[in-house]
Amino acid sequence: MRSVPGLIGGHTGDVTDTTSGRLLRLLSLLQARGEWPGPELCERLGVSARTVRRDVERLRGLGYPVRASLGATGGYRLEAGAAMPPLLLDDEEAVAIAVGLRGAAGGAVAGIGESSVRALAKLEQVLPGRLRRRVNALHAATTPLTGPPAGPAVDPEALAMLAVACRDRERLRFGYRDREGAGTGRLVEPYGLVSAGRRWYLVAWDAGREDWRTFRVDRLVDPRPTGVRCPPRELPAADAAAFVTRSLAGARPVRPAVLTVHASAEELAERFRVTGEEVEPVDERTCIVRTAPDSLEWTALRIAFLELDFEVREPPELAGRLAEVGRRLLRASGGAAR
């Protein structure tokens, strides 16, 4: 494949490798937020204002509509273009996008499967041979675990709009249905999106309740930006994912289960998928497990199929669930045993 400036995974023929890498960094910064002051870009890139202006002109030459604002400091903003310009991606980014598009066909975003296939076909046409072989090898060696949908799909247009609002710190209005179906109106300051399997969550400051909230994206009704920007707030968690995890844990009733399991701590952590904080070693072949599962039924099924000896210490309801599972299994296997 002939090298073309700006080609995915290619080398810039008339621009040095140093300049090419700087262009990638500049483009990444411009895509990360709405507008950048010129001096801040210079500091991030470690170059002079003249070099930034020259690199901006190179991006414009590749088809990226970068708008410059006037003033003492000046600024730069990447605007949406009428046509799709060439993409500036390094090898790892190109492979990551190709792999992501393959997986998106069965993802949690409604109607995105066919679009992902079309985009992947276009991307693979411009991938250099070495990258195409890496993507195809990964695809050939991977078998997806398929099954029934684990949750509702979300609207891709709404998801993209929420992402832009999070990036630009723009207030949103929407209706919201809770788990019982009751609707309320919300005005929020969006912080970030979190993907959890087939479910998406929006983390935002709720202006009406004056507190941080987690919203299921599939329960949002008519979300729309207000055009009002909001200053950044400090999230009371390490990141949006940690906040969602904590919120979900607090939203469900905690029914801790305590088990004595006859296995080493290492074996139990690997097979039962519990954290180190949940396992208390007694000796080399015995552990105490304390966990707060989503449901006692799920815990009963998980522990029953571990092929490990164990005893239930609490709660009594878990022992009852296990007895029910055992009776069903005995009934199911009775005909074969006879």
C-alpha atoms as a PDB file:
ATOM      1  CA  MET A   1       0.000   0.000   0.000  1.00  0.00           C
ATOM      2  CA  ARG A   2       1.284   3.404  -0.931  1.00  0.00           C
ATOM      3  CA  SER A   3       1.970   5.708   2.025  1.00  0.00           C
ATOM      4  CA  VAL A   4      -0.312   8.719   2.245  1.00  0.00           C
ATOM      5  CA  PRO A   5      -0.110  11.478   4.892  1.00  0.00           C
ATOM      6  CA  GLY A   6      -2.793  10.846   7.488  1.00  0.00           C
ATOM      7  CA  LEU A   7      -3.494   7.251   6.463  1.00  0.00           C
ATOM      8  CA  ILE A   8      -4.574   4.854   9.225  1.00  0.00           C
ATOM      9  CA  GLY A   9      -1.633   2.870  10.513  1.00  0.00           C
ATOM     10  CA  GLY A  10       0.596   4.244   7.751  1.00  0.00           C
ATOM     11  CA  HIS A  11       3.700   6.431   7.749  1.00  0.00           C
ATOM     12  CA  THR A  12       3.674  10.069   6.764  1.00  0.00           C
ATOM     13  CA  GLY A  13       5.768  10.307   3.645  1.00  0.00           C
ATOM     14  CA  ASP A  14       6.503  14.039   3.610  1.00  0.00           C
ATOM     15  CA  VAL A  15       6.350  14.664   7.389  1.00  0.00           C
ATOM     16  CA  THR A  16       8.928  13.415   9.888  1.00  0.00           C
ATOM     17  CA  ASP A  17       7.990  10.760  12.462  1.00  0.00           C
ATOM     18  CA  THR A  18       8.344  13.366  15.219  1.00  0.00           C
ATOM     19  CA  THR A  19       5.904  15.707  13.503  1.00  0.00           C
ATOM     20  CA  SER A  20       3.504  12.828  12.787  1.00  0.00           C
ATOM     21  CA  GLY A  21       3.451  11.841  16.442  1.00  0.00           C
ATOM     22  CA  ARG A  22       2.881  15.451  17.474  1.00  0.00           C
ATOM     23  CA  LEU A  23      -0.023  15.731  15.013  1.00  0.00           C
ATOM     24  CA  LEU A  24      -1.610  12.674  16.592  1.00  0.00           C
ATOM     25  CA  ARG A  25      -1.258  14.214  20.036  1.00  0.00           C
ATOM     26  CA  LEU A  26      -2.637  17.559  18.841  1.00  0.00           C
ATOM     27  CA  LEU A  27      -5.615  15.922  17.177  1.00  0.00           C
ATOM     28  CA  SER A  28      -6.279  13.828  20.275  1.00  0.00           C
ATOM     29  CA  LEU A  29      -6.276  16.937  22.466  1.00  0.00           C
ATOM     30  CA  LEU A  30      -8.617  18.807  20.121  1.00  0.00           C
ATOM     31  CA  GLN A  31     -11.019  15.858  20.126  1.00  0.00           C
ATOM     32  CA  ALA A  32     -10.912  15.536  23.911  1.00  0.00           C
ATOM     33  CA  ARG A  33     -12.656  18.816  24.715  1.00  0.00           C
ATOM     34  CA  GLY A  34     -14.392  21.765  23.105  1.00  0.00           C
ATOM     35  CA  GLU A  35     -11.700  24.453  22.931  1.00  0.00           C
ATOM     36  CA  TRP A  36      -8.053  24.809  23.916  1.00  0.00           C
ATOM     37  CA  PRO A  37      -6.209  28.082  24.613  1.00  0.00           C
ATOM     38  CA  GLY A  38      -3.114  28.380  22.453  1.00  0.00           C
ATOM     39  CA  PRO A  39      -0.652  28.658  25.379  1.00  0.00           C
ATOM     40  CA  GLU A  40      -2.074  25.510  26.998  1.00  0.00           C
ATOM     41  CA  LEU A  41      -1.627  23.547  23.768  1.00  0.00           C
ATOM     42  CA  CYS A  42       1.963  24.763  23.545  1.00  0.00           C
ATOM     43  CA  GLU A  43       2.587  23.567  27.092  1.00  0.00           C
ATOM     44  CA  ARG A  44       0.968  20.173  26.492  1.00  0.00           C
ATOM     45  CA  LEU A  45       2.914  19.570  23.291  1.00  0.00           C
ATOM     46  CA  GLY A  46       6.159  21.168  24.454  1.00  0.00           C
ATOM     47  CA  VAL A  47       6.470  23.369  21.360  1.00  0.00           C
ATOM     48  CA  SER A  48       6.206  27.028  20.439  1.00  0.00           C
ATOM     49  CA  ALA A  49       3.075  28.882  19.349  1.00  0.00           C
ATOM     50  CA  ARG A  50       4.478  29.036  15.814  1.00  0.00           C
ATOM     51  CA  THR A  51       4.806  25.245  15.710  1.00  0.00           C
ATOM     52  CA  VAL A  52       1.226  24.831  16.940  1.00  0.00           C
ATOM     53  CA  ARG A  53      -0.023  27.158  14.193  1.00  0.00           C
ATOM     54  CA  ARG A  54       1.942  25.177  11.600  1.00  0.00           C
ATOM     55  CA  ASP A  55       0.585  21.850  12.873  1.00  0.00           C
ATOM     56  CA  VAL A  56      -2.961  23.233  12.822  1.00  0.00           C
ATOM     57  CA  GLU A  57      -2.469  24.121   9.169  1.00  0.00           C
ATOM     58  CA  ARG A  58      -1.313  20.545   8.493  1.00  0.00           C
ATOM     59  CA  LEU A  59      -4.456  19.196  10.118  1.00  0.00           C
ATOM     60  CA  ARG A  60      -6.560  21.527   7.988  1.00  0.00           C
ATOM     61  CA  GLY A  61      -4.719  20.259   4.939  1.00  0.00           C
ATOM     62  CA  LEU A  62      -5.728  16.704   5.904  1.00  0.00           C
ATOM     63  CA  GLY A  63      -9.368  17.788   6.075  1.00  0.00           C
ATOM     64  CA  TYR A  64      -9.860  18.511   9.775  1.00  0.00           C
ATOM     65  CA  PRO A  65     -11.844  21.753  10.281  1.00  0.00           C
ATOM     66  CA  VAL A  66      -9.862  23.462  13.060  1.00  0.00           C
ATOM     67  CA  ARG A  67     -11.173  26.918  13.929  1.00  0.00           C
ATOM     68  CA  ALA A  68      -8.877  29.491  15.516  1.00  0.00           C
ATOM     69  CA  SER A  69     -10.246  32.212  17.799  1.00  0.00           C
ATOM     70  CA  LEU A  70      -8.732  35.671  18.076  1.00  0.00           C
ATOM     71  CA  GLY A  71      -7.572  37.389  21.247  1.00  0.00           C
ATOM     72  CA  ALA A  72      -4.564  37.883  23.455  1.00  0.00           C
ATOM     73  CA  THR A  73      -4.087  34.164  24.029  1.00  0.00           C
ATOM     74  CA  GLY A  74      -6.063  32.725  21.122  1.00  0.00           C
ATOM     75  CA  GLY A  75      -7.590  29.287  21.036  1.00  0.00           C
ATOM     76  CA  TYR A  76      -8.357  26.322  18.792  1.00  0.00           C
ATOM     77  CA  ARG A  77     -11.480  24.238  18.359  1.00  0.00           C
ATOM     78  CA  LEU A  78     -12.170  21.171  16.220  1.00  0.00           C
ATOM     79  CA  GLU A  79     -15.506  21.592  14.474  1.00  0.00           C
ATOM     80  CA  ALA A  80     -17.646  18.954  12.803  1.00  0.00           C
ATOM     81  CA  GLY A  81     -16.802  18.750   9.111  1.00  0.00           C
ATOM     82  CA  ALA A  82     -19.117  18.162   6.173  1.00  0.00           C
ATOM     83  CA  ALA A  83     -16.993  15.226   4.951  1.00  0.00           C
ATOM     84  CA  MET A  84     -15.072  12.476   6.708  1.00  0.00           C
ATOM     85  CA  PRO A  85     -11.371  13.421   6.595  1.00  0.00           C
ATOM     86  CA  PRO A  86      -8.554  10.860   6.728  1.00  0.00           C
ATOM     87  CA  LEU A  87      -8.014   9.435  10.210  1.00  0.00           C
ATOM     88  CA  LEU A  88      -4.753   9.895  12.070  1.00  0.00           C
ATOM     89  CA  LEU A  89      -4.323   6.686  14.053  1.00  0.00           C
ATOM     90  CA  ASP A  90      -1.263   4.801  15.169  1.00  0.00           C
ATOM     91  CA  ASP A  91      -1.041   1.024  14.806  1.00  0.00           C
ATOM     92  CA  GLU A  92      -2.448   0.170  18.244  1.00  0.00           C
ATOM     93  CA  GLU A  93      -5.388   2.560  17.852  1.00  0.00           C
ATOM     94  CA  ALA A  94      -6.254   1.188  14.396  1.00  0.00           C
ATOM     95  CA  VAL A  95      -6.262  -2.412  15.642  1.00  0.00           C
ATOM     96  CA  ALA A  96      -8.300  -1.446  18.721  1.00  0.00           C
ATOM     97  CA  ILE A  97     -10.965   0.208  16.561  1.00  0.00           C
ATOM     98  CA  ALA A  98     -11.161  -2.754  14.190  1.00  0.00           C
ATOM     99  CA  VAL A  99     -11.536  -5.216  17.059  1.00  0.00           C
ATOM    100  CA  GLY A 100     -14.117  -2.973  18.722  1.00  0.00           C
ATOM    101  CA  LEU A 101     -16.189  -2.777  15.536  1.00  0.00           C
ATOM    102  CA  ARG A 102     -16.213  -6.569  15.262  1.00  0.00           C
ATOM    103  CA  GLY A 103     -17.533  -6.838  18.800  1.00  0.00           C
ATOM    104  CA  ALA A 104     -20.080  -4.038  18.386  1.00  0.00           C
ATOM    105  CA  ALA A 105     -22.291  -6.131  16.122  1.00  0.00           C
ATOM    106  CA  GLY A 106     -23.672  -7.932  19.176  1.00  0.00           C
ATOM    107  CA  GLY A 107     -23.351  -5.047  21.599  1.00  0.00           C
ATOM    108  CA  ALA A 108     -25.793  -3.164  23.756  1.00  0.00           C
ATOM    109  CA  VAL A 109     -26.402  -0.225  21.408  1.00  0.00           C
ATOM    110  CA  ALA A 110     -29.580  -0.620  19.356  1.00  0.00           C
ATOM    111  CA  GLY A 111     -29.221  -0.676  15.567  1.00  0.00           C
ATOM    112  CA  ILE A 112     -25.438  -0.353  15.607  1.00  0.00           C
ATOM    113  CA  GLY A 113     -24.605  -3.869  14.393  1.00  0.00           C
ATOM    114  CA  GLU A 114     -25.120  -3.229  10.670  1.00  0.00           C
ATOM    115  CA  SER A 115     -23.375   0.153  10.886  1.00  0.00           C
ATOM    116  CA  SER A 116     -20.419  -1.500  12.613  1.00  0.00           C
ATOM    117  CA  VAL A 117     -20.080  -4.039   9.802  1.00  0.00           C
ATOM    118  CA  ARG A 118     -20.115  -1.309   7.159  1.00  0.00           C
ATOM    119  CA  ALA A 119     -17.566   0.774   9.060  1.00  0.00           C
ATOM    120  CA  LEU A 120     -15.337  -2.263   9.569  1.00  0.00           C
ATOM    121  CA  ALA A 121     -15.396  -3.039   5.845  1.00  0.00           C
ATOM    122  CA  LYS A 122     -14.268   0.508   5.046  1.00  0.00           C
ATOM    123  CA  LEU A 123     -11.585   0.452   7.732  1.00  0.00           C
ATOM    124  CA  GLU A 124     -10.087  -2.846   6.611  1.00  0.00           C
ATOM    125  CA  GLN A 125      -9.777  -1.516   3.061  1.00  0.00           C
ATOM    126  CA  VAL A 126      -7.249   1.091   4.209  1.00  0.00           C
ATOM    127  CA  LEU A 127      -5.469  -0.940   6.888  1.00  0.00           C
ATOM    128  CA  PRO A 128      -1.902  -1.829   5.945  1.00  0.00           C
ATOM    129  CA  GLY A 129      -1.354  -5.535   5.359  1.00  0.00           C
ATOM    130  CA  ARG A 130       0.514  -6.086   8.637  1.00  0.00           C
ATOM    131  CA  LEU A 131      -2.379  -4.648  10.663  1.00  0.00           C
ATOM    132  CA  ARG A 132      -5.036  -6.460   8.658  1.00  0.00           C
ATOM    133  CA  ARG A 133      -3.288  -9.750   9.405  1.00  0.00           C
ATOM    134  CA  ARG A 134      -3.214  -8.947  13.145  1.00  0.00           C
ATOM    135  CA  VAL A 135      -6.929  -8.129  13.193  1.00  0.00           C
ATOM    136  CA  ASN A 136      -7.882 -11.225  11.193  1.00  0.00           C
ATOM    137  CA  ALA A 137      -5.724 -13.476  13.380  1.00  0.00           C
ATOM    138  CA  LEU A 138      -7.377 -12.160  16.529  1.00  0.00           C
ATOM    139  CA  HIS A 139     -10.819 -12.592  15.011  1.00  0.00           C
ATOM    140  CA  ALA A 140     -10.071 -16.159  13.879  1.00  0.00           C
ATOM    141  CA  ALA A 141      -8.755 -17.170  17.296  1.00  0.00           C
ATOM    142  CA  THR A 142     -11.671 -15.678  19.256  1.00  0.00           C
ATOM    143  CA  THR A 143     -15.059 -17.321  19.774  1.00  0.00           C
ATOM    144  CA  PRO A 144     -17.660 -15.004  21.320  1.00  0.00           C
ATOM    145  CA  LEU A 145     -19.847 -16.334  24.122  1.00  0.00           C
ATOM    146  CA  THR A 146     -23.362 -15.740  22.850  1.00  0.00           C
ATOM    147  CA  GLY A 147     -26.635 -16.032  24.638  1.00  0.00           C
ATOM    148  CA  PRO A 148     -29.926 -14.251  25.262  1.00  0.00           C
ATOM    149  CA  PRO A 149     -29.793 -10.460  25.699  1.00  0.00           C
ATOM    150  CA  ALA A 150     -28.773  -9.526  29.235  1.00  0.00           C
ATOM    151  CA  GLY A 151     -30.432  -6.132  29.215  1.00  0.00           C
ATOM    152  CA  PRO A 152     -32.161  -3.497  27.097  1.00  0.00           C
ATOM    153  CA  ALA A 153     -30.397  -1.800  24.204  1.00  0.00           C
ATOM    154  CA  VAL A 154     -29.884   1.972  24.116  1.00  0.00           C
ATOM    155  CA  ASP A 155     -30.339   4.493  21.324  1.00  0.00           C
ATOM    156  CA  PRO A 156     -26.958   5.234  19.682  1.00  0.00           C
ATOM    157  CA  GLU A 157     -27.896   8.844  18.866  1.00  0.00           C
ATOM    158  CA  ALA A 158     -28.870   9.503  22.474  1.00  0.00           C
ATOM    159  CA  LEU A 159     -25.667   7.853  23.671  1.00  0.00           C
ATOM    160  CA  ALA A 160     -23.552  10.052  21.378  1.00  0.00           C
ATOM    161  CA  MET A 161     -25.395  13.177  22.525  1.00  0.00           C
ATOM    162  CA  LEU A 162     -24.817  12.268  26.176  1.00  0.00           C
ATOM    163  CA  ALA A 163     -21.117  11.706  25.500  1.00  0.00           C
ATOM    164  CA  VAL A 164     -20.779  15.151  23.915  1.00  0.00           C
ATOM    165  CA  ALA A 165     -22.619  16.747  26.831  1.00  0.00           C
ATOM    166  CA  CYS A 166     -20.242  15.037  29.271  1.00  0.00           C
ATOM    167  CA  ARG A 167     -17.233  16.212  27.291  1.00  0.00           C
ATOM    168  CA  ASP A 168     -18.441  19.821  27.010  1.00  0.00           C
ATOM    169  CA  ARG A 169     -19.930  19.959  30.540  1.00  0.00           C
ATOM    170  CA  GLU A 170     -23.321  21.022  29.149  1.00  0.00           C
ATOM    171  CA  ARG A 171     -26.464  20.716  31.257  1.00  0.00           C
ATOM    172  CA  LEU A 172     -29.115  18.204  30.200  1.00  0.00           C
ATOM    173  CA  ARG A 173     -32.881  17.912  30.637  1.00  0.00           C
ATOM    174  CA  PHE A 174     -34.691  14.590  30.400  1.00  0.00           C
ATOM    175  CA  GLY A 175     -37.506  12.554  31.819  1.00  0.00           C
ATOM    176  CA  TYR A 176     -36.551   9.527  33.872  1.00  0.00           C
ATOM    177  CA  ARG A 177     -38.456   6.316  34.651  1.00  0.00           C
ATOM    178  CA  ASP A 178     -37.541   4.501  37.845  1.00  0.00           C
ATOM    179  CA  ARG A 179     -37.719   0.722  38.263  1.00  0.00           C
ATOM    180  CA  GLU A 180     -41.445   0.923  39.061  1.00  0.00           C
ATOM    181  CA  GLY A 181     -42.086   2.980  35.914  1.00  0.00           C
ATOM    182  CA  ALA A 182     -42.786   6.285  37.681  1.00  0.00           C
ATOM    183  CA  GLY A 183     -41.556   9.299  35.694  1.00  0.00           C
ATOM    184  CA  THR A 184     -39.839  12.478  36.880  1.00  0.00           C
ATOM    185  CA  GLY A 185     -38.206  15.443  35.160  1.00  0.00           C
ATOM    186  CA  ARG A 186     -34.478  15.998  35.717  1.00  0.00           C
ATOM    187  CA  LEU A 187     -31.990  18.797  35.137  1.00  0.00           C
ATOM    188  CA  VAL A 188     -28.447  17.479  35.499  1.00  0.00           C
ATOM    189  CA  GLU A 189     -24.794  18.340  35.005  1.00  0.00           C
ATOM    190  CA  PRO A 190     -23.359  15.266  33.226  1.00  0.00           C
ATOM    191  CA  TYR A 191     -20.037  13.853  34.346  1.00  0.00           C
ATOM    192  CA  GLY A 192     -19.464  10.589  32.478  1.00  0.00           C
ATOM    193  CA  LEU A 193     -20.861   7.396  30.939  1.00  0.00           C
ATOM    194  CA  VAL A 194     -20.190   3.884  32.211  1.00  0.00           C
ATOM    195  CA  SER A 195     -20.756   0.699  30.220  1.00  0.00           C
ATOM    196  CA  ALA A 196     -21.623  -2.378  32.286  1.00  0.00           C
ATOM    197  CA  GLY A 197     -22.259  -5.248  29.905  1.00  0.00           C
ATOM    198  CA  ARG A 198     -25.430  -4.444  28.005  1.00  0.00           C
ATOM    199  CA  ARG A 199     -26.344  -1.579  30.321  1.00  0.00           C
ATOM    200  CA  TRP A 200     -25.152   2.009  30.174  1.00  0.00           C
ATOM    201  CA  TYR A 201     -25.186   4.452  33.077  1.00  0.00           C
ATOM    202  CA  LEU A 202     -24.943   8.227  33.165  1.00  0.00           C
ATOM    203  CA  VAL A 203     -23.218   9.756  36.187  1.00  0.00           C
ATOM    204  CA  ALA A 204     -24.391  13.320  36.797  1.00  0.00           C
ATOM    205  CA  TRP A 205     -25.014  16.005  39.393  1.00  0.00           C
ATOM    206  CA  ASP A 206     -28.796  16.285  39.844  1.00  0.00           C
ATOM    207  CA  ALA A 207     -29.579  20.005  40.207  1.00  0.00           C
ATOM    208  CA  GLY A 208     -33.049  19.364  41.636  1.00  0.00           C
ATOM    209  CA  ARG A 209     -31.838  16.995  44.329  1.00  0.00           C
ATOM    210  CA  GLU A 210     -28.505  18.745  44.821  1.00  0.00           C
ATOM    211  CA  ASP A 211     -26.625  15.456  44.850  1.00  0.00           C
ATOM    212  CA  TRP A 212     -24.806  13.011  42.590  1.00  0.00           C
ATOM    213  CA  ARG A 213     -26.942  10.392  40.864  1.00  0.00           C
ATOM    214  CA  THR A 214     -26.616   7.366  38.580  1.00  0.00           C
ATOM    215  CA  PHE A 215     -29.137   7.075  35.719  1.00  0.00           C
ATOM    216  CA  ARG A 216     -29.826   4.048  33.524  1.00  0.00           C
ATOM    217  CA  VAL A 217     -29.517   5.379  29.970  1.00  0.00           C
ATOM    218  CA  ASP A 218     -32.292   3.117  28.643  1.00  0.00           C
ATOM    219  CA  ARG A 219     -34.684   4.760  31.146  1.00  0.00           C
ATOM    220  CA  LEU A 220     -33.984   8.319  29.946  1.00  0.00           C
ATOM    221  CA  VAL A 221     -36.872   9.953  28.080  1.00  0.00           C
ATOM    222  CA  ASP A 222     -36.173  12.655  25.480  1.00  0.00           C
ATOM    223  CA  PRO A 223     -32.728  13.765  26.722  1.00  0.00           C
ATOM    224  CA  ARG A 224     -31.677  17.123  25.266  1.00  0.00           C
ATOM    225  CA  PRO A 225     -28.890  19.626  25.911  1.00  0.00           C
ATOM    226  CA  THR A 226     -29.811  23.045  27.314  1.00  0.00           C
ATOM    227  CA  GLY A 227     -26.931  25.047  25.827  1.00  0.00           C
ATOM    228  CA  VAL A 228     -25.813  26.040  29.342  1.00  0.00           C
ATOM    229  CA  ARG A 229     -22.279  25.136  30.378  1.00  0.00           C
ATOM    230  CA  CYS A 230     -21.499  24.186  33.966  1.00  0.00           C
ATOM    231  CA  PRO A 231     -18.232  24.312  35.914  1.00  0.00           C
ATOM    232  CA  PRO A 232     -16.621  20.948  36.693  1.00  0.00           C
ATOM    233  CA  ARG A 233     -17.545  19.335  40.011  1.00  0.00           C
ATOM    234  CA  GLU A 234     -15.468  16.933  42.064  1.00  0.00           C
ATOM    235  CA  LEU A 235     -16.942  13.449  41.921  1.00  0.00           C
ATOM    236  CA  PRO A 236     -17.025  11.712  45.340  1.00  0.00           C
ATOM    237  CA  ALA A 237     -15.320   8.622  43.921  1.00  0.00           C
ATOM    238  CA  ALA A 238     -12.126   7.652  42.137  1.00  0.00           C
ATOM    239  CA  ASP A 239     -13.927   7.718  38.770  1.00  0.00           C
ATOM    240  CA  ALA A 240     -17.360   7.286  37.198  1.00  0.00           C
ATOM    241  CA  ALA A 241     -17.103   3.479  37.182  1.00  0.00           C
ATOM    242  CA  ALA A 242     -16.330   3.384  40.908  1.00  0.00           C
ATOM    243  CA  PHE A 243     -19.286   5.673  41.600  1.00  0.00           C
ATOM    244  CA  VAL A 244     -21.676   3.450  39.599  1.00  0.00           C
ATOM    245  CA  THR A 245     -20.407   0.340  41.387  1.00  0.00           C
ATOM    246  CA  ARG A 246     -20.998   1.956  44.763  1.00  0.00           C
ATOM    247  CA  SER A 247     -24.429   3.254  43.736  1.00  0.00           C
ATOM    248  CA  LEU A 248     -25.601  -0.131  42.493  1.00  0.00           C
ATOM    249  CA  ALA A 249     -24.374  -1.819  45.659  1.00  0.00           C
ATOM    250  CA  GLY A 250     -26.277   0.681  47.793  1.00  0.00           C
ATOM    251  CA  ALA A 251     -29.470   0.402  45.734  1.00  0.00           C
ATOM    252  CA  ARG A 252     -30.067  -3.297  46.410  1.00  0.00           C
ATOM    253  CA  PRO A 253     -30.704  -4.938  49.782  1.00  0.00           C
ATOM    254  CA  VAL A 254     -27.515  -6.392  51.209  1.00  0.00           C
ATOM    255  CA  ARG A 255     -27.910 -10.021  52.268  1.00  0.00           C
ATOM    256  CA  PRO A 256     -24.424 -11.175  53.196  1.00  0.00           C
ATOM    257  CA  ALA A 257     -23.611 -14.830  52.845  1.00  0.00           C
ATOM    258  CA  VAL A 258     -20.983 -16.584  55.005  1.00  0.00           C
ATOM    259  CA  LEU A 259     -19.624 -19.952  53.893  1.00  0.00           C
ATOM    260  CA  THR A 260     -16.953 -22.380  55.026  1.00  0.00           C
ATOM    261  CA  VAL A 261     -15.284 -23.701  51.872  1.00  0.00           C
ATOM    262  CA  HIS A 262     -12.766 -26.532  51.821  1.00  0.00           C
ATOM    263  CA  ALA A 263     -10.226 -25.068  49.387  1.00  0.00           C
ATOM    264  CA  SER A 264      -7.185 -22.826  49.478  1.00  0.00           C
ATOM    265  CA  ALA A 265      -7.639 -19.069  49.297  1.00  0.00           C
ATOM    266  CA  GLU A 266      -5.968 -18.950  45.876  1.00  0.00           C
ATOM    267  CA  GLU A 267      -8.162 -21.677  44.417  1.00  0.00           C
ATOM    268  CA  LEU A 268     -11.305 -20.136  45.842  1.00  0.00           C
ATOM    269  CA  ALA A 269     -10.528 -16.632  44.567  1.00  0.00           C
ATOM    270  CA  GLU A 270      -9.991 -18.046  41.080  1.00  0.00           C
ATOM    271  CA  ARG A 271     -13.006 -20.375  40.906  1.00  0.00           C
ATOM    272  CA  PHE A 272     -15.604 -18.453  42.940  1.00  0.00           C
ATOM    273  CA  ARG A 273     -14.567 -15.038  41.574  1.00  0.00           C
ATOM    274  CA  VAL A 274     -14.446 -13.252  44.925  1.00  0.00           C
ATOM    275  CA  THR A 275     -12.006 -10.558  46.001  1.00  0.00           C
ATOM    276  CA  GLY A 276      -9.233 -11.011  48.521  1.00  0.00           C
ATOM    277  CA  GLU A 277     -11.156  -8.964  51.078  1.00  0.00           C
ATOM    278  CA  GLU A 278     -13.995 -11.513  50.991  1.00  0.00           C
ATOM    279  CA  VAL A 279     -11.812 -14.545  51.742  1.00  0.00           C
ATOM    280  CA  GLU A 280     -10.399 -15.365  55.192  1.00  0.00           C
ATOM    281  CA  PRO A 281      -7.968 -18.316  55.145  1.00  0.00           C
ATOM    282  CA  VAL A 282      -8.361 -20.757  58.061  1.00  0.00           C
ATOM    283  CA  ASP A 283      -5.667 -23.196  56.985  1.00  0.00           C
ATOM    284  CA  GLU A 284      -4.163 -24.450  53.732  1.00  0.00           C
ATOM    285  CA  ARG A 285      -7.399 -26.194  52.679  1.00  0.00           C
ATOM    286  CA  THR A 286     -10.146 -24.204  54.420  1.00  0.00           C
ATOM    287  CA  CYS A 287     -11.484 -20.658  53.989  1.00  0.00           C
ATOM    288  CA  ILE A 288     -14.258 -18.480  55.323  1.00  0.00           C
ATOM    289  CA  VAL A 289     -16.049 -16.546  52.570  1.00  0.00           C
ATOM    290  CA  ARG A 290     -18.079 -13.435  53.332  1.00  0.00           C
ATOM    291  CA  THR A 291     -19.831 -11.970  50.296  1.00  0.00           C
ATOM    292  CA  ALA A 292     -22.815  -9.731  49.549  1.00  0.00           C
ATOM    293  CA  PRO A 293     -24.261 -11.148  46.307  1.00  0.00           C
ATOM    294  CA  ASP A 294     -26.928  -9.768  43.995  1.00  0.00           C
ATOM    295  CA  SER A 295     -29.225 -12.605  45.105  1.00  0.00           C
ATOM    296  CA  LEU A 296     -29.080 -15.693  47.277  1.00  0.00           C
ATOM    297  CA  GLU A 297     -30.328 -17.759  44.318  1.00  0.00           C
ATOM    298  CA  TRP A 298     -27.314 -16.760  42.232  1.00  0.00           C
ATOM    299  CA  THR A 299     -24.930 -17.505  45.104  1.00  0.00           C
ATOM    300  CA  ALA A 300     -26.521 -20.928  45.584  1.00  0.00           C
ATOM    301  CA  LEU A 301     -26.064 -21.811  41.918  1.00  0.00           C
ATOM    302  CA  ARG A 302     -22.474 -20.573  41.809  1.00  0.00           C
ATOM    303  CA  ILE A 303     -21.287 -22.411  44.893  1.00  0.00           C
ATOM    304  CA  ALA A 304     -23.204 -25.601  44.012  1.00  0.00           C
ATOM    305  CA  PHE A 305     -21.312 -26.055  40.762  1.00  0.00           C
ATOM    306  CA  LEU A 306     -17.811 -25.415  42.118  1.00  0.00           C
ATOM    307  CA  GLU A 307     -17.240 -29.115  42.887  1.00  0.00           C
ATOM    308  CA  LEU A 308     -15.920 -28.085  46.313  1.00  0.00           C
ATOM    309  CA  ASP A 309     -17.158 -29.180  49.723  1.00  0.00           C
ATOM    310  CA  PHE A 310     -18.656 -26.351  51.763  1.00  0.00           C
ATOM    311  CA  GLU A 311     -21.064 -25.540  54.598  1.00  0.00           C
ATOM    312  CA  VAL A 312     -23.445 -22.593  54.874  1.00  0.00           C
ATOM    313  CA  ARG A 313     -22.923 -20.609  58.065  1.00  0.00           C
ATOM    314  CA  GLU A 314     -25.457 -17.866  57.307  1.00  0.00           C
ATOM    315  CA  PRO A 315     -28.072 -16.880  56.347  1.00  0.00           C
ATOM    316  CA  PRO A 316     -30.456 -19.817  56.807  1.00  0.00           C
ATOM    317  CA  GLU A 317     -32.252 -18.723  53.602  1.00  0.00           C
ATOM    318  CA  LEU A 318     -29.192 -19.669  51.554  1.00  0.00           C
ATOM    319  CA  ALA A 319     -29.284 -23.208  52.931  1.00  0.00           C
ATOM    320  CA  GLY A 320     -32.946 -23.336  51.948  1.00  0.00           C
ATOM    321  CA  ARG A 321     -32.143 -22.181  48.392  1.00  0.00           C
ATOM    322  CA  LEU A 322     -29.496 -24.897  48.106  1.00  0.00           C
ATOM    323  CA  ALA A 323     -31.963 -27.527  49.322  1.00  0.00           C
ATOM    324  CA  GLU A 324     -34.434 -26.430  46.627  1.00  0.00           C
ATOM    325  CA  VAL A 325     -31.736 -26.632  43.957  1.00  0.00           C
ATOM    326  CA  GLY A 326     -30.741 -30.092  45.202  1.00  0.00           C
ATOM    327  CA  ARG A 327     -34.335 -31.376  45.079  1.00  0.00           C
ATOM    328  CA  ARG A 328     -34.800 -30.122  41.519  1.00  0.00           C
ATOM    329  CA  LEU A 329     -31.541 -31.749  40.419  1.00  0.00           C
ATOM    330  CA  LEU A 330     -32.516 -35.046  42.048  1.00  0.00           C
ATOM    331  CA  ARG A 331     -35.913 -34.980  40.318  1.00  0.00           C
ATOM    332  CA  ALA A 332     -34.278 -34.170  36.988  1.00  0.00           C
ATOM    333  CA  SER A 333     -31.762 -36.996  37.326  1.00  0.00           C
ATOM    334  CA  GLY A 334     -34.205 -39.540  38.746  1.00  0.00           C
ATOM    335  CA  GLY A 335     -35.289 -40.969  35.374  1.00  0.00           C
ATOM    336  CA  ALA A 336     -31.736 -41.398  34.168  1.00  0.00           C
ATOM    337  CA  ALA A 337     -30.724 -43.080  37.446  1.00  0.00           C
ATOM    338  CA  ARG A 338     -33.536 -45.623  37.163  1.00  0.00           C
END
